[in-house]
């Protein structure tokens, strides 16, 4: 089940936090609870994605994205991600999550997040997010106008551009 109470806690905790620029970094702390574990007694990979939600959604609140989405009756959906797992997370470990938008192209916003246990990075994710409306995908250019922003996207890192190219070459739908 989705941790609605944990999300409510995060939104409440950051309700009065200072606004962030669109490319600002949101920092949040979390705990790995026993119900977050898999049969190998470490943080479940699906729950890892959920903890990243707990950082990304308050980021959208602090940057003003959430307000614009609600005002325009738009949604925000994950259109793809790539995750690198490097260190185990065990029960009761304290985690720090860094969440930030690193840029956009003509269709997607790119969000980078990392999870840290002390000085060790346990995992790193890059997500492409699509803003959606009843008519389909809303371009980031249109989103920026609605947010009152005129910023140009910074150059996306080479590894992100490589991932975008690999996704473009990937067949869809996959074979059965």
C-alpha atoms as a PDB file:
ATOM      1  CA  UNK A   1       0.000   0.000   0.000  1.00  0.00           C
ATOM      2  CA  UNK A   2       1.172   3.509  -0.788  1.00  0.00           C
ATOM      3  CA  UNK A   3       2.422   5.331   2.337  1.00  0.00           C
ATOM      4  CA  UNK A   4      -0.138   8.133   2.338  1.00  0.00           C
ATOM      5  CA  UNK A   5       0.623   9.063   5.944  1.00  0.00           C
ATOM      6  CA  UNK A   6       4.338   9.412   5.195  1.00  0.00           C
ATOM      7  CA  UNK A   7       3.515  11.615   2.198  1.00  0.00           C
ATOM      8  CA  UNK A   8       1.149  13.739   4.290  1.00  0.00           C
ATOM      9  CA  UNK A   9       3.927  14.134   6.871  1.00  0.00           C
ATOM     10  CA  UNK A  10       6.390  15.293   4.199  1.00  0.00           C
ATOM     11  CA  UNK A  11       3.933  17.782   2.712  1.00  0.00           C
ATOM     12  CA  UNK A  12       3.088  19.112   6.181  1.00  0.00           C
ATOM     13  CA  UNK A  13       6.759  19.308   7.148  1.00  0.00           C
ATOM     14  CA  UNK A  14       7.645  21.409   4.091  1.00  0.00           C
ATOM     15  CA  UNK A  15       4.413  23.438   3.791  1.00  0.00           C
ATOM     16  CA  UNK A  16       6.187  26.629   4.906  1.00  0.00           C
ATOM     17  CA  UNK A  17       9.655  25.841   3.591  1.00  0.00           C
ATOM     18  CA  UNK A  18      11.214  28.540   1.429  1.00  0.00           C
ATOM     19  CA  UNK A  19      10.351  28.410  -2.255  1.00  0.00           C
ATOM     20  CA  UNK A  20      12.921  26.864  -4.533  1.00  0.00           C
ATOM     21  CA  UNK A  21      13.856  27.895  -8.063  1.00  0.00           C
ATOM     22  CA  UNK A  22      12.852  25.396 -10.742  1.00  0.00           C
ATOM     23  CA  UNK A  23      16.388  23.949 -10.716  1.00  0.00           C
ATOM     24  CA  UNK A  24      16.733  24.075  -6.915  1.00  0.00           C
ATOM     25  CA  UNK A  25      17.484  21.075  -4.710  1.00  0.00           C
ATOM     26  CA  UNK A  26      15.045  19.743  -2.117  1.00  0.00           C
ATOM     27  CA  UNK A  27      16.642  17.786   0.740  1.00  0.00           C
ATOM     28  CA  UNK A  28      14.579  15.390   2.844  1.00  0.00           C
ATOM     29  CA  UNK A  29      15.311  12.721   5.438  1.00  0.00           C
ATOM     30  CA  UNK A  30      13.605   9.380   5.794  1.00  0.00           C
ATOM     31  CA  UNK A  31      13.834   6.186   7.786  1.00  0.00           C
ATOM     32  CA  UNK A  32      13.820   2.643   6.406  1.00  0.00           C
ATOM     33  CA  UNK A  33      11.091   0.907   8.381  1.00  0.00           C
ATOM     34  CA  UNK A  34      10.663  -2.879   8.711  1.00  0.00           C
ATOM     35  CA  UNK A  35       7.680  -2.778   6.329  1.00  0.00           C
ATOM     36  CA  UNK A  36       9.970  -1.280   3.659  1.00  0.00           C
ATOM     37  CA  UNK A  37      12.094  -4.442   3.561  1.00  0.00           C
ATOM     38  CA  UNK A  38      12.183  -7.288   1.067  1.00  0.00           C
ATOM     39  CA  UNK A  39      12.788 -10.996   1.856  1.00  0.00           C
ATOM     40  CA  UNK A  40      16.556 -10.296   1.961  1.00  0.00           C
ATOM     41  CA  UNK A  41      15.991  -7.830   4.806  1.00  0.00           C
ATOM     42  CA  UNK A  42      17.009  -4.742   2.851  1.00  0.00           C
ATOM     43  CA  UNK A  43      15.103  -1.839   1.325  1.00  0.00           C
ATOM     44  CA  UNK A  44      12.774  -3.195  -1.361  1.00  0.00           C
ATOM     45  CA  UNK A  45      13.479  -1.759  -4.816  1.00  0.00           C
ATOM     46  CA  UNK A  46       9.833  -0.737  -5.252  1.00  0.00           C
ATOM     47  CA  UNK A  47       9.846   1.010  -1.887  1.00  0.00           C
ATOM     48  CA  UNK A  48      13.032   2.808  -2.965  1.00  0.00           C
ATOM     49  CA  UNK A  49      10.983   4.385  -5.759  1.00  0.00           C
ATOM     50  CA  UNK A  50       8.314   5.314  -3.241  1.00  0.00           C
ATOM     51  CA  UNK A  51      10.854   7.012  -0.977  1.00  0.00           C
ATOM     52  CA  UNK A  52      11.978   8.959  -4.034  1.00  0.00           C
ATOM     53  CA  UNK A  53       8.311  10.034  -4.382  1.00  0.00           C
ATOM     54  CA  UNK A  54       8.548  11.375  -0.828  1.00  0.00           C
ATOM     55  CA  UNK A  55      11.305  13.705  -2.029  1.00  0.00           C
ATOM     56  CA  UNK A  56       9.991  14.538  -5.494  1.00  0.00           C
ATOM     57  CA  UNK A  57       6.451  15.579  -4.585  1.00  0.00           C
ATOM     58  CA  UNK A  58       7.544  18.154  -1.960  1.00  0.00           C
ATOM     59  CA  UNK A  59      10.046  19.385  -4.575  1.00  0.00           C
ATOM     60  CA  UNK A  60       7.097  20.074  -6.889  1.00  0.00           C
ATOM     61  CA  UNK A  61       5.381  21.973  -4.083  1.00  0.00           C
ATOM     62  CA  UNK A  62       8.428  24.126  -3.265  1.00  0.00           C
ATOM     63  CA  UNK A  63       9.168  25.027  -6.914  1.00  0.00           C
ATOM     64  CA  UNK A  64       5.552  26.078  -7.575  1.00  0.00           C
ATOM     65  CA  UNK A  65       5.006  23.247 -10.041  1.00  0.00           C
ATOM     66  CA  UNK A  66       2.227  21.653  -8.002  1.00  0.00           C
ATOM     67  CA  UNK A  67       0.294  24.942  -7.788  1.00  0.00           C
ATOM     68  CA  UNK A  68       0.411  25.393 -11.575  1.00  0.00           C
ATOM     69  CA  UNK A  69      -0.597  21.776 -12.186  1.00  0.00           C
ATOM     70  CA  UNK A  70      -3.645  22.184  -9.957  1.00  0.00           C
ATOM     71  CA  UNK A  71      -4.602  25.558 -11.452  1.00  0.00           C
ATOM     72  CA  UNK A  72      -4.396  24.207 -15.014  1.00  0.00           C
ATOM     73  CA  UNK A  73      -5.977  20.826 -14.170  1.00  0.00           C
ATOM     74  CA  UNK A  74      -2.801  19.129 -15.387  1.00  0.00           C
ATOM     75  CA  UNK A  75      -1.176  15.991 -14.072  1.00  0.00           C
ATOM     76  CA  UNK A  76       2.387  14.801 -13.695  1.00  0.00           C
ATOM     77  CA  UNK A  77       3.420  11.283 -14.590  1.00  0.00           C
ATOM     78  CA  UNK A  78       6.623   9.292 -14.703  1.00  0.00           C
ATOM     79  CA  UNK A  79       7.437   8.592 -18.353  1.00  0.00           C
ATOM     80  CA  UNK A  80      10.577   6.573 -17.648  1.00  0.00           C
ATOM     81  CA  UNK A  81      13.427   6.174 -15.233  1.00  0.00           C
ATOM     82  CA  UNK A  82      16.827   4.641 -14.820  1.00  0.00           C
ATOM     83  CA  UNK A  83      18.073   3.624 -11.393  1.00  0.00           C
ATOM     84  CA  UNK A  84      21.507   2.639 -10.165  1.00  0.00           C
ATOM     85  CA  UNK A  85      21.598   0.749  -6.851  1.00  0.00           C
ATOM     86  CA  UNK A  86      24.978   0.659  -5.086  1.00  0.00           C
ATOM     87  CA  UNK A  87      24.655   0.210  -1.302  1.00  0.00           C
ATOM     88  CA  UNK A  88      22.335  -1.808   0.898  1.00  0.00           C
ATOM     89  CA  UNK A  89      19.790  -0.064   3.067  1.00  0.00           C
ATOM     90  CA  UNK A  90      18.693  -1.981   6.153  1.00  0.00           C
ATOM     91  CA  UNK A  91      15.919  -1.531   8.712  1.00  0.00           C
ATOM     92  CA  UNK A  92      16.069   1.720  10.674  1.00  0.00           C
ATOM     93  CA  UNK A  93      18.772   3.260   8.477  1.00  0.00           C
ATOM     94  CA  UNK A  94      18.410   7.043   8.214  1.00  0.00           C
ATOM     95  CA  UNK A  95      18.399   8.254   4.615  1.00  0.00           C
ATOM     96  CA  UNK A  96      18.861  11.667   3.053  1.00  0.00           C
ATOM     97  CA  UNK A  97      17.306  12.227  -0.369  1.00  0.00           C
ATOM     98  CA  UNK A  98      18.398  15.018  -2.711  1.00  0.00           C
ATOM     99  CA  UNK A  99      15.853  15.858  -5.424  1.00  0.00           C
ATOM    100  CA  UNK A 100      16.229  18.362  -8.255  1.00  0.00           C
ATOM    101  CA  UNK A 101      15.156  19.129 -11.783  1.00  0.00           C
ATOM    102  CA  UNK A 102      18.213  19.013 -14.055  1.00  0.00           C
ATOM    103  CA  UNK A 103      16.556  20.230 -17.256  1.00  0.00           C
ATOM    104  CA  UNK A 104      13.998  19.523 -19.946  1.00  0.00           C
ATOM    105  CA  UNK A 105      13.571  18.925 -23.630  1.00  0.00           C
ATOM    106  CA  UNK A 106      10.581  19.448 -25.902  1.00  0.00           C
ATOM    107  CA  UNK A 107       8.474  16.778 -24.114  1.00  0.00           C
ATOM    108  CA  UNK A 108       9.815  15.939 -20.670  1.00  0.00           C
ATOM    109  CA  UNK A 109      11.232  17.312 -17.436  1.00  0.00           C
ATOM    110  CA  UNK A 110      14.254  15.412 -16.114  1.00  0.00           C
ATOM    111  CA  UNK A 111      14.513  14.884 -12.375  1.00  0.00           C
ATOM    112  CA  UNK A 112      17.630  13.602 -10.652  1.00  0.00           C
ATOM    113  CA  UNK A 113      17.479  12.115  -7.175  1.00  0.00           C
ATOM    114  CA  UNK A 114      20.025  10.428  -4.966  1.00  0.00           C
ATOM    115  CA  UNK A 115      19.678   8.584  -1.669  1.00  0.00           C
ATOM    116  CA  UNK A 116      22.432   8.752   0.919  1.00  0.00           C
ATOM    117  CA  UNK A 117      23.197   6.829   4.090  1.00  0.00           C
ATOM    118  CA  UNK A 118      25.743   9.036   5.804  1.00  0.00           C
ATOM    119  CA  UNK A 119      28.457   9.730   3.220  1.00  0.00           C
ATOM    120  CA  UNK A 120      27.546   6.716   1.062  1.00  0.00           C
ATOM    121  CA  UNK A 121      25.254   7.073  -1.924  1.00  0.00           C
ATOM    122  CA  UNK A 122      22.945   4.051  -1.864  1.00  0.00           C
ATOM    123  CA  UNK A 123      21.141   4.729  -5.142  1.00  0.00           C
ATOM    124  CA  UNK A 124      20.691   7.285  -7.885  1.00  0.00           C
ATOM    125  CA  UNK A 125      17.727   7.780 -10.212  1.00  0.00           C
ATOM    126  CA  UNK A 126      17.003   9.925 -13.229  1.00  0.00           C
ATOM    127  CA  UNK A 127      13.341  10.250 -14.168  1.00  0.00           C
ATOM    128  CA  UNK A 128      11.671  11.814 -17.109  1.00  0.00           C
ATOM    129  CA  UNK A 129       8.372  13.336 -16.137  1.00  0.00           C
ATOM    130  CA  UNK A 130       5.537  14.305 -18.434  1.00  0.00           C
ATOM    131  CA  UNK A 131       3.027  17.005 -17.629  1.00  0.00           C
ATOM    132  CA  UNK A 132      -0.331  15.786 -18.907  1.00  0.00           C
ATOM    133  CA  UNK A 133      -3.676  17.324 -19.783  1.00  0.00           C
ATOM    134  CA  UNK A 134      -6.871  15.954 -21.281  1.00  0.00           C
ATOM    135  CA  UNK A 135      -5.340  16.639 -24.706  1.00  0.00           C
ATOM    136  CA  UNK A 136      -2.101  14.751 -23.978  1.00  0.00           C
ATOM    137  CA  UNK A 137       1.415  15.801 -23.034  1.00  0.00           C
ATOM    138  CA  UNK A 138       1.937  19.465 -22.167  1.00  0.00           C
ATOM    139  CA  UNK A 139       5.270  20.753 -23.446  1.00  0.00           C
ATOM    140  CA  UNK A 140       7.754  22.039 -20.880  1.00  0.00           C
ATOM    141  CA  UNK A 141       7.745  25.354 -22.809  1.00  0.00           C
ATOM    142  CA  UNK A 142       4.012  25.722 -22.125  1.00  0.00           C
ATOM    143  CA  UNK A 143       4.534  24.686 -18.501  1.00  0.00           C
ATOM    144  CA  UNK A 144       7.238  27.326 -18.039  1.00  0.00           C
ATOM    145  CA  UNK A 145       4.945  30.033 -19.426  1.00  0.00           C
ATOM    146  CA  UNK A 146       2.261  28.950 -16.943  1.00  0.00           C
ATOM    147  CA  UNK A 147       4.859  29.122 -14.158  1.00  0.00           C
ATOM    148  CA  UNK A 148       5.897  32.620 -15.244  1.00  0.00           C
ATOM    149  CA  UNK A 149       9.387  31.413 -16.126  1.00  0.00           C
ATOM    150  CA  UNK A 150      11.477  32.058 -19.206  1.00  0.00           C
ATOM    151  CA  UNK A 151      14.522  29.956 -18.346  1.00  0.00           C
ATOM    152  CA  UNK A 152      16.263  27.849 -20.928  1.00  0.00           C
ATOM    153  CA  UNK A 153      17.098  24.300 -19.957  1.00  0.00           C
ATOM    154  CA  UNK A 154      20.662  23.737 -18.904  1.00  0.00           C
ATOM    155  CA  UNK A 155      22.468  21.200 -21.072  1.00  0.00           C
ATOM    156  CA  UNK A 156      21.499  17.750 -19.907  1.00  0.00           C
ATOM    157  CA  UNK A 157      24.486  15.656 -18.767  1.00  0.00           C
ATOM    158  CA  UNK A 158      25.985  13.290 -21.345  1.00  0.00           C
ATOM    159  CA  UNK A 159      24.742  10.195 -19.496  1.00  0.00           C
ATOM    160  CA  UNK A 160      21.175  11.558 -19.582  1.00  0.00           C
ATOM    161  CA  UNK A 161      21.449  12.347 -23.296  1.00  0.00           C
ATOM    162  CA  UNK A 162      22.731   8.797 -23.848  1.00  0.00           C
ATOM    163  CA  UNK A 163      19.768   7.395 -21.949  1.00  0.00           C
ATOM    164  CA  UNK A 164      17.364   9.535 -24.027  1.00  0.00           C
ATOM    165  CA  UNK A 165      18.975   8.211 -27.230  1.00  0.00           C
ATOM    166  CA  UNK A 166      18.784   4.612 -25.982  1.00  0.00           C
ATOM    167  CA  UNK A 167      15.101   5.036 -25.112  1.00  0.00           C
ATOM    168  CA  UNK A 168      14.409   6.478 -28.580  1.00  0.00           C
ATOM    169  CA  UNK A 169      15.920   3.332 -30.151  1.00  0.00           C
ATOM    170  CA  UNK A 170      14.007   0.952 -27.880  1.00  0.00           C
ATOM    171  CA  UNK A 171      11.103  -0.759 -29.677  1.00  0.00           C
ATOM    172  CA  UNK A 172       7.582  -0.072 -28.478  1.00  0.00           C
ATOM    173  CA  UNK A 173       5.537  -2.034 -27.827  1.00  0.00           C
ATOM    174  CA  UNK A 174       7.899  -4.798 -26.753  1.00  0.00           C
ATOM    175  CA  UNK A 175       7.556  -8.300 -28.155  1.00  0.00           C
ATOM    176  CA  UNK A 176       5.322 -10.672 -26.268  1.00  0.00           C
END
